[in-house]
PDB file of all heavy atoms in Angstrom:
ATOM      1  N   ASP A   1     170.401-237.600 -31.353  1.00  0.00           N
ATOM      2  CA  ASP A   1     171.246-237.642 -32.536  1.00  0.00           C
ATOM      3  C   ASP A   1     172.191-236.438 -32.447  1.00  0.00           C
ATOM      4  O   ASP A   1     171.783-235.367 -31.994  1.00  0.00           O
ATOM      5  CB  ASP A   1     170.371-237.548 -33.799  1.00  0.00           C
ATOM      6  CG  ASP A   1     171.188-237.700 -35.049  1.00  0.00           C
ATOM      7  OD1 ASP A   1     171.544-238.844 -35.396  1.00  0.00           O
ATOM      8  OD2 ASP A   1     171.478-236.661 -35.672  1.00  0.00           O
ATOM      9  N   TYR A   2     173.420-236.617 -32.877  1.00  0.00           N
ATOM     10  CA  TYR A   2     174.395-235.532 -32.769  1.00  0.00           C
ATOM     11  C   TYR A   2     174.002-234.306 -33.579  1.00  0.00           C
ATOM     12  O   TYR A   2     174.482-233.208 -33.324  1.00  0.00           O
ATOM     13  CB  TYR A   2     175.789-236.005 -33.185  1.00  0.00           C
ATOM     14  CG  TYR A   2     176.411-236.942 -32.177  1.00  0.00           C
ATOM     15  CD1 TYR A   2     176.763-238.232 -32.538  1.00  0.00           C
ATOM     16  CD2 TYR A   2     176.631-236.544 -30.870  1.00  0.00           C
ATOM     17  CE1 TYR A   2     177.325-239.099 -31.614  1.00  0.00           C
ATOM     18  CE2 TYR A   2     177.180-237.399 -29.942  1.00  0.00           C
ATOM     19  CZ  TYR A   2     177.529-238.680 -30.322  1.00  0.00           C
ATOM     20  OH  TYR A   2     178.066-239.527 -29.413  1.00  0.00           O
ATOM     21  N   GLU A   3     173.142-234.480 -34.552  1.00  0.00           N
ATOM     22  CA  GLU A   3     172.681-233.365 -35.379  1.00  0.00           C
ATOM     23  C   GLU A   3     171.324-232.838 -34.912  1.00  0.00           C
ATOM     24  O   GLU A   3     170.800-231.897 -35.506  1.00  0.00           O
ATOM     25  CB  GLU A   3     172.576-233.811 -36.849  1.00  0.00           C
ATOM     26  CG  GLU A   3     173.838-234.441 -37.403  1.00  0.00           C
ATOM     27  CD  GLU A   3     175.055-233.540 -37.323  1.00  0.00           C
ATOM     28  OE1 GLU A   3     174.918-232.325 -37.583  1.00  0.00           O
ATOM     29  OE2 GLU A   3     176.140-234.049 -36.993  1.00  0.00           O
ATOM     30  N   ASP A   4     170.740-233.434 -33.865  1.00  0.00           N
ATOM     31  CA  ASP A   4     169.443-233.012 -33.360  1.00  0.00           C
ATOM     32  C   ASP A   4     169.496-231.535 -32.978  1.00  0.00           C
ATOM     33  O   ASP A   4     170.354-231.112 -32.198  1.00  0.00           O
ATOM     34  CB  ASP A   4     169.058-233.858 -32.142  1.00  0.00           C
ATOM     35  CG  ASP A   4     167.664-233.573 -31.645  1.00  0.00           C
ATOM     36  OD1 ASP A   4     167.401-232.433 -31.219  1.00  0.00           O
ATOM     37  OD2 ASP A   4     166.831-234.492 -31.684  1.00  0.00           O
ATOM     38  N   GLU A   5     168.560-230.781 -33.520  1.00  0.00           N
ATOM     39  CA  GLU A   5     168.563-229.328 -33.326  1.00  0.00           C
ATOM     40  C   GLU A   5     168.422-228.946 -31.850  1.00  0.00           C
ATOM     41  O   GLU A   5     169.106-228.042 -31.362  1.00  0.00           O
ATOM     42  CB  GLU A   5     167.426-228.708 -34.139  1.00  0.00           C
ATOM     43  CG  GLU A   5     167.521-227.222 -34.293  1.00  0.00           C
ATOM     44  CD  GLU A   5     166.463-226.668 -35.226  1.00  0.00           C
ATOM     45  OE1 GLU A   5     166.260-227.248 -36.302  1.00  0.00           O
ATOM     46  OE2 GLU A   5     165.844-225.654 -34.853  1.00  0.00           O
ATOM     47  N   LYS A   6     167.535-229.637 -31.116  1.00  0.00           N
ATOM     48  CA  LYS A   6     167.339-229.333 -29.693  1.00  0.00           C
ATOM     49  C   LYS A   6     168.610-229.623 -28.899  1.00  0.00           C
ATOM     50  O   LYS A   6     169.008-228.845 -28.033  1.00  0.00           O
ATOM     51  CB  LYS A   6     166.178-230.148 -29.122  1.00  0.00           C
ATOM     52  CG  LYS A   6     164.821-229.725 -29.612  1.00  0.00           C
ATOM     53  CD  LYS A   6     163.712-230.434 -28.875  1.00  0.00           C
ATOM     54  CE  LYS A   6     163.701-231.899 -29.218  1.00  0.00           C
ATOM     55  NZ  LYS A   6     162.566-232.629 -28.652  1.00  0.00           N
ATOM     56  N   PHE A   7     169.250-230.749 -29.216  1.00  0.00           N
ATOM     57  CA  PHE A   7     170.471-231.152 -28.514  1.00  0.00           C
ATOM     58  C   PHE A   7     171.593-230.161 -28.780  1.00  0.00           C
ATOM     59  O   PHE A   7     172.274-229.707 -27.853  1.00  0.00           O
ATOM     60  CB  PHE A   7     170.862-232.561 -28.951  1.00  0.00           C
ATOM     61  CG  PHE A   7     172.107-233.097 -28.317  1.00  0.00           C
ATOM     62  CD1 PHE A   7     172.169-233.341 -26.954  1.00  0.00           C
ATOM     63  CD2 PHE A   7     173.234-233.373 -29.085  1.00  0.00           C
ATOM     64  CE1 PHE A   7     173.305-233.848 -26.365  1.00  0.00           C
ATOM     65  CE2 PHE A   7     174.378-233.874 -28.502  1.00  0.00           C
ATOM     66  CZ  PHE A   7     174.413-234.117 -27.145  1.00  0.00           C
ATOM     67  N   VAL A   8     171.788-229.795 -30.037  1.00  0.00           N
ATOM     68  CA  VAL A   8     172.846-228.847 -30.404  1.00  0.00           C
ATOM     69  C   VAL A   8     172.586-227.489 -29.761  1.00  0.00           C
ATOM     70  O   VAL A   8     173.502-226.852 -29.225  1.00  0.00           O
ATOM     71  CB  VAL A   8     172.964-228.729 -31.942  1.00  0.00           C
ATOM     72  CG1 VAL A   8     173.894-227.610 -32.338  1.00  0.00           C
ATOM     73  CG2 VAL A   8     173.428-230.050 -32.538  1.00  0.00           C
ATOM     74  N   THR A   9     171.325-227.049 -29.770  1.00  0.00           N
ATOM     75  CA  THR A   9     170.973-225.770 -29.148  1.00  0.00           C
ATOM     76  C   THR A   9     171.242-225.797 -27.655  1.00  0.00           C
ATOM     77  O   THR A   9     171.781-224.837 -27.095  1.00  0.00           O
ATOM     78  CB  THR A   9     169.483-225.434 -29.414  1.00  0.00           C
ATOM     79  OG1 THR A   9     169.271-225.396 -30.819  1.00  0.00           O
ATOM     80  CG2 THR A   9     169.094-224.113 -28.802  1.00  0.00           C
ATOM     81  N   LEU A  10     170.881-226.891 -27.005  1.00  0.00           N
ATOM     82  CA  LEU A  10     171.120-227.032 -25.571  1.00  0.00           C
ATOM     83  C   LEU A  10     172.609-226.900 -25.258  1.00  0.00           C
ATOM     84  O   LEU A  10     172.999-226.143 -24.366  1.00  0.00           O
ATOM     85  CB  LEU A  10     170.589-228.383 -25.079  1.00  0.00           C
ATOM     86  CG  LEU A  10     170.835-228.728 -23.622  1.00  0.00           C
ATOM     87  CD1 LEU A  10     170.050-227.812 -22.703  1.00  0.00           C
ATOM     88  CD2 LEU A  10     170.473-230.184 -23.357  1.00  0.00           C
ATOM     89  N   ILE A  11     173.435-227.585 -26.000  1.00  0.00           N
ATOM     90  CA  ILE A  11     174.880-227.527 -25.764  1.00  0.00           C
ATOM     91  C   ILE A  11     175.418-226.127 -26.034  1.00  0.00           C
ATOM     92  O   ILE A  11     176.243-225.609 -25.272  1.00  0.00           O
ATOM     93  CB  ILE A  11     175.610-228.592 -26.602  1.00  0.00           C
ATOM     94  CG1 ILE A  11     175.273-229.975 -26.057  1.00  0.00           C
ATOM     95  CG2 ILE A  11     177.115-228.370 -26.591  1.00  0.00           C
ATOM     96  CD1 ILE A  11     175.807-231.111 -26.862  1.00  0.00           C
ATOM     97  N   GLU A  12     174.936-225.492 -27.103  1.00  0.00           N
ATOM     98  CA  GLU A  12     175.385-224.133 -27.418  1.00  0.00           C
ATOM     99  C   GLU A  12     175.015-223.153 -26.312  1.00  0.00           C
ATOM    100  O   GLU A  12     175.819-222.298 -25.939  1.00  0.00           O
ATOM    101  CB  GLU A  12     174.796-223.675 -28.750  1.00  0.00           C
ATOM    102  CG  GLU A  12     175.426-224.341 -29.952  1.00  0.00           C
ATOM    103  CD  GLU A  12     174.712-224.029 -31.259  1.00  0.00           C
ATOM    104  OE1 GLU A  12     173.653-223.339 -31.229  1.00  0.00           O
ATOM    105  OE2 GLU A  12     175.200-224.473 -32.306  1.00  0.00           O
ATOM    106  N   LEU A  13     173.793-223.271 -25.782  1.00  0.00           N
ATOM    107  CA  LEU A  13     173.368-222.392 -24.691  1.00  0.00           C
ATOM    108  C   LEU A  13     174.240-222.582 -23.456  1.00  0.00           C
ATOM    109  O   LEU A  13     174.663-221.605 -22.819  1.00  0.00           O
ATOM    110  CB  LEU A  13     171.906-222.654 -24.332  1.00  0.00           C
ATOM    111  CG  LEU A  13     170.853-222.217 -25.343  1.00  0.00           C
ATOM    112  CD1 LEU A  13     169.482-222.751 -24.952  1.00  0.00           C
ATOM    113  CD2 LEU A  13     170.819-220.708 -25.467  1.00  0.00           C
ATOM    114  N   LEU A  14     174.530-223.829 -23.123  1.00  0.00           N
ATOM    115  CA  LEU A  14     175.348-224.108 -21.945  1.00  0.00           C
ATOM    116  C   LEU A  14     176.780-223.638 -22.135  1.00  0.00           C
ATOM    117  O   LEU A  14     177.397-223.104 -21.205  1.00  0.00           O
ATOM    118  CB  LEU A  14     175.291-225.600 -21.614  1.00  0.00           C
ATOM    119  CG  LEU A  14     173.904-226.127 -21.220  1.00  0.00           C
ATOM    120  CD1 LEU A  14     173.932-227.629 -21.042  1.00  0.00           C
ATOM    121  CD2 LEU A  14     173.397-225.439 -19.972  1.00  0.00           C
ATOM    122  N   GLU A  15     177.323-223.811 -23.341  1.00  0.00           N
ATOM    123  CA  GLU A  15     178.680-223.345 -23.610  1.00  0.00           C
ATOM    124  C   GLU A  15     178.758-221.819 -23.582  1.00  0.00           C
ATOM    125  O   GLU A  15     179.725-221.250 -23.079  1.00  0.00           O
ATOM    126  CB  GLU A  15     179.184-223.887 -24.946  1.00  0.00           C
ATOM    127  CG  GLU A  15     179.532-225.356 -24.885  1.00  0.00           C
ATOM    128  CD  GLU A  15     180.020-225.916 -26.224  1.00  0.00           C
ATOM    129  OE1 GLU A  15     179.888-225.225 -27.255  1.00  0.00           O
ATOM    130  OE2 GLU A  15     180.528-227.042 -26.211  1.00  0.00           O
ATOM    131  N   GLU A  16     177.720-221.159 -24.116  1.00  0.00           N
ATOM    132  CA  GLU A  16     177.698-219.700 -24.076  1.00  0.00           C
ATOM    133  C   GLU A  16     177.643-219.202 -22.640  1.00  0.00           C
ATOM    134  O   GLU A  16     178.349-218.268 -22.260  1.00  0.00           O
ATOM    135  CB  GLU A  16     176.515-219.161 -24.876  1.00  0.00           C
ATOM    136  CG  GLU A  16     176.484-217.644 -24.947  1.00  0.00           C
ATOM    137  CD  GLU A  16     175.330-217.095 -25.753  1.00  0.00           C
ATOM    138  OE1 GLU A  16     174.457-217.870 -26.193  1.00  0.00           O
ATOM    139  OE2 GLU A  16     175.301-215.862 -25.953  1.00  0.00           O
ATOM    140  N   ASN A  17     176.809-219.843 -21.821  1.00  0.00           N
ATOM    141  CA  ASN A  17     176.742-219.462 -20.411  1.00  0.00           C
ATOM    142  C   ASN A  17     178.072-219.684 -19.705  1.00  0.00           C
ATOM    143  O   ASN A  17     178.457-218.902 -18.839  1.00  0.00           O
ATOM    144  CB  ASN A  17     175.631-220.226 -19.694  1.00  0.00           C
ATOM    145  CG  ASN A  17     174.292-219.566 -19.850  1.00  0.00           C
ATOM    146  OD1 ASN A  17     174.154-218.583 -20.562  1.00  0.00           O
ATOM    147  ND2 ASN A  17     173.290-220.109 -19.191  1.00  0.00           N
ATOM    148  N   ASN A  18     178.759-220.740 -20.073  1.00  0.00           N
ATOM    149  CA  ASN A  18     180.059-221.022 -19.480  1.00  0.00           C
ATOM    150  C   ASN A  18     181.032-219.867 -19.762  1.00  0.00           C
ATOM    151  O   ASN A  18     181.804-219.464 -18.895  1.00  0.00           O
ATOM    152  CB  ASN A  18     180.602-222.342 -20.033  1.00  0.00           C
ATOM    153  CG  ASN A  18     181.609-222.968 -19.118  1.00  0.00           C
ATOM    154  OD1 ASN A  18     181.662-222.661 -17.935  1.00  0.00           O
ATOM    155  ND2 ASN A  18     182.417-223.842 -19.666  1.00  0.00           N
ATOM    156  N   LYS A  19     180.987-219.329 -20.978  1.00  0.00           N
ATOM    157  CA  LYS A  19     181.847-218.200 -21.333  1.00  0.00           C
ATOM    158  C   LYS A  19     181.397-216.917 -20.648  1.00  0.00           C
ATOM    159  O   LYS A  19     182.222-216.115 -20.214  1.00  0.00           O
ATOM    160  CB  LYS A  19     181.862-218.009 -22.851  1.00  0.00           C
ATOM    161  CG  LYS A  19     182.547-219.120 -23.583  1.00  0.00           C
ATOM    162  CD  LYS A  19     182.435-218.957 -25.078  1.00  0.00           C
ATOM    163  CE  LYS A  19     183.007-220.188 -25.777  1.00  0.00           C
ATOM    164  NZ  LYS A  19     182.703-220.191 -27.208  1.00  0.00           N
ATOM    165  N   LEU A  20     180.075-216.725 -20.555  1.00  0.00           N
ATOM    166  CA  LEU A  20     179.539-215.504 -19.947  1.00  0.00           C
ATOM    167  C   LEU A  20     179.802-215.425 -18.449  1.00  0.00           C
ATOM    168  O   LEU A  20     179.792-214.337 -17.870  1.00  0.00           O
ATOM    169  CB  LEU A  20     178.034-215.400 -20.214  1.00  0.00           C
ATOM    170  CG  LEU A  20     177.618-215.149 -21.658  1.00  0.00           C
ATOM    171  CD1 LEU A  20     176.105-215.251 -21.807  1.00  0.00           C
ATOM    172  CD2 LEU A  20     178.117-213.797 -22.139  1.00  0.00           C
ATOM    173  N   GLN A  21     180.040-216.557 -17.813  1.00  0.00           N
ATOM    174  CA  GLN A  21     180.289-216.561 -16.370  1.00  0.00           C
ATOM    175  C   GLN A  21     181.545-215.794 -15.997  1.00  0.00           C
ATOM    176  O   GLN A  21     181.691-215.359 -14.865  1.00  0.00           O
ATOM    177  CB  GLN A  21     180.397-217.992 -15.847  1.00  0.00           C
ATOM    178  CG  GLN A  21     179.087-218.683 -15.755  1.00  0.00           C
ATOM    179  CD  GLN A  21     179.217-220.103 -15.243  1.00  0.00           C
ATOM    180  OE1 GLN A  21     180.295-220.683 -15.227  1.00  0.00           O
ATOM    181  NE2 GLN A  21     178.107-220.674 -14.835  1.00  0.00           N
ATOM    182  N   ASN A  22     182.459-215.620 -16.924  1.00  0.00           N
ATOM    183  CA  ASN A  22     183.711-214.906 -16.635  1.00  0.00           C
ATOM    184  C   ASN A  22     183.540-213.395 -16.673  1.00  0.00           C
ATOM    185  O   ASN A  22     184.450-212.673 -16.294  1.00  0.00           O
ATOM    186  CB  ASN A  22     184.793-215.331 -17.626  1.00  0.00           C
ATOM    187  CG  ASN A  22     185.141-216.788 -17.468  1.00  0.00           C
ATOM    188  OD1 ASN A  22     185.061-217.340 -16.372  1.00  0.00           O
ATOM    189  ND2 ASN A  22     185.506-217.431 -18.568  1.00  0.00           N
ATOM    190  N   SER A  23     182.388-212.919 -17.120  1.00  0.00           N
ATOM    191  CA  SER A  23     182.139-211.487 -17.210  1.00  0.00           C
ATOM    192  C   SER A  23     182.024-210.873 -15.822  1.00  0.00           C
ATOM    193  O   SER A  23     181.452-211.464 -14.901  1.00  0.00           O
ATOM    194  CB  SER A  23     180.853-211.247 -17.993  1.00  0.00           C
ATOM    195  OG  SER A  23     180.370-209.945 -17.770  1.00  0.00           O
ATOM    196  N   ILE A  24     182.536-209.660 -15.669  1.00  0.00           N
ATOM    197  CA  ILE A  24     182.437-208.960 -14.386  1.00  0.00           C
ATOM    198  C   ILE A  24     180.968-208.685 -14.053  1.00  0.00           C
ATOM    199  O   ILE A  24     180.562-208.729 -12.898  1.00  0.00           O
ATOM    200  CB  ILE A  24     183.268-207.656 -14.388  1.00  0.00           C
ATOM    201  CG1 ILE A  24     183.313-207.017 -12.995  1.00  0.00           C
ATOM    202  CG2 ILE A  24     182.730-206.660 -15.388  1.00  0.00           C
ATOM    203  CD1 ILE A  24     184.103-207.794 -11.984  1.00  0.00           C
ATOM    204  N   TYR A  25     180.145-208.433 -15.098  1.00  0.00           N
ATOM    205  CA  TYR A  25     178.716-208.199 -14.860  1.00  0.00           C
ATOM    206  C   TYR A  25     178.049-209.434 -14.262  1.00  0.00           C
ATOM    207  O   TYR A  25     177.215-209.332 -13.363  1.00  0.00           O
ATOM    208  CB  TYR A  25     178.009-207.835 -16.171  1.00  0.00           C
ATOM    209  CG  TYR A  25     178.404-206.475 -16.708  1.00  0.00           C
ATOM    210  CD1 TYR A  25     179.332-206.371 -17.738  1.00  0.00           C
ATOM    211  CD2 TYR A  25     177.847-205.317 -16.194  1.00  0.00           C
ATOM    212  CE1 TYR A  25     179.699-205.135 -18.238  1.00  0.00           C
ATOM    213  CE2 TYR A  25     178.203-204.076 -16.684  1.00  0.00           C
ATOM    214  CZ  TYR A  25     179.130-203.992 -17.708  1.00  0.00           C
ATOM    215  OH  TYR A  25     179.483-202.765 -18.197  1.00  0.00           O
ATOM    216  N   THR A  26     178.406-210.588 -14.759  1.00  0.00           N
ATOM    217  CA  THR A  26     177.823-211.826 -14.250  1.00  0.00           C
ATOM    218  C   THR A  26     178.273-212.069 -12.818  1.00  0.00           C
ATOM    219  O   THR A  26     177.483-212.491 -11.976  1.00  0.00           O
ATOM    220  CB  THR A  26     178.221-213.010 -15.144  1.00  0.00           C
ATOM    221  OG1 THR A  26     177.814-212.720 -16.484  1.00  0.00           O
ATOM    222  CG2 THR A  26     177.562-214.294 -14.691  1.00  0.00           C
ATOM    223  N   GLN A  27     179.522-211.765 -12.546  1.00  0.00           N
ATOM    224  CA  GLN A  27     180.016-211.939 -11.181  1.00  0.00           C
ATOM    225  C   GLN A  27     179.334-210.967 -10.229  1.00  0.00           C
ATOM    226  O   GLN A  27     179.003-211.321  -9.095  1.00  0.00           O
ATOM    227  CB  GLN A  27     181.530-211.791 -11.166  1.00  0.00           C
ATOM    228  CG  GLN A  27     182.215-212.921 -11.908  1.00  0.00           C
ATOM    229  CD  GLN A  27     183.704-212.733 -12.074  1.00  0.00           C
ATOM    230  OE1 GLN A  27     184.312-211.906 -11.404  1.00  0.00           O
ATOM    231  NE2 GLN A  27     184.298-213.497 -12.972  1.00  0.00           N
ATOM    232  N   LEU A  28     179.112-209.747 -10.699  1.00  0.00           N
ATOM    233  CA  LEU A  28     178.374-208.781  -9.876  1.00  0.00           C
ATOM    234  C   LEU A  28     176.933-209.222  -9.667  1.00  0.00           C
ATOM    235  O   LEU A  28     176.356-209.015  -8.601  1.00  0.00           O
ATOM    236  CB  LEU A  28     178.404-207.394 -10.522  1.00  0.00           C
ATOM    237  CG  LEU A  28     179.706-206.617 -10.407  1.00  0.00           C
ATOM    238  CD1 LEU A  28     179.655-205.347 -11.247  1.00  0.00           C
ATOM    239  CD2 LEU A  28     180.010-206.286  -8.954  1.00  0.00           C
ATOM    240  N   TYR A  29     176.349-209.824 -10.705  1.00  0.00           N
ATOM    241  CA  TYR A  29     174.977-210.313 -10.596  1.00  0.00           C
ATOM    242  C   TYR A  29     174.853-211.340  -9.476  1.00  0.00           C
ATOM    243  O   TYR A  29     173.836-211.384  -8.779  1.00  0.00           O
ATOM    244  CB  TYR A  29     174.529-210.917 -11.932  1.00  0.00           C
ATOM    245  CG  TYR A  29     173.124-211.443 -11.892  1.00  0.00           C
ATOM    246  CD1 TYR A  29     172.040-210.584 -11.982  1.00  0.00           C
ATOM    247  CD2 TYR A  29     172.867-212.808 -11.742  1.00  0.00           C
ATOM    248  CE1 TYR A  29     170.741-211.056 -11.932  1.00  0.00           C
ATOM    249  CE2 TYR A  29     171.566-213.285 -11.693  1.00  0.00           C
ATOM    250  CZ  TYR A  29     170.515-212.404 -11.785  1.00  0.00           C
ATOM    251  OH  TYR A  29     169.236-212.875 -11.721  1.00  0.00           O
ATOM    252  N   ASN A  30     175.884-212.142  -9.278  1.00  0.00           N
ATOM    253  CA  ASN A  30     175.864-213.137  -8.206  1.00  0.00           C
ATOM    254  C   ASN A  30     175.829-212.489  -6.828  1.00  0.00           C
ATOM    255  O   ASN A  30     175.311-213.072  -5.876  1.00  0.00           O
ATOM    256  CB  ASN A  30     177.061-214.077  -8.315  1.00  0.00           C
ATOM    257  CG  ASN A  30     176.941-215.024  -9.482  1.00  0.00           C
ATOM    258  OD1 ASN A  30     175.845-215.403  -9.865  1.00  0.00           O
ATOM    259  ND2 ASN A  30     178.065-215.392 -10.060  1.00  0.00           N
TER     260      ASN A  30
END
């Protein structure tokens, strides 16, 4: 369901990671 808490949380986590990938720290971590 579009309002399902697990589903919304999953998408939020993935979107946050997508933004964090641009950080120099994340690139150094790689």
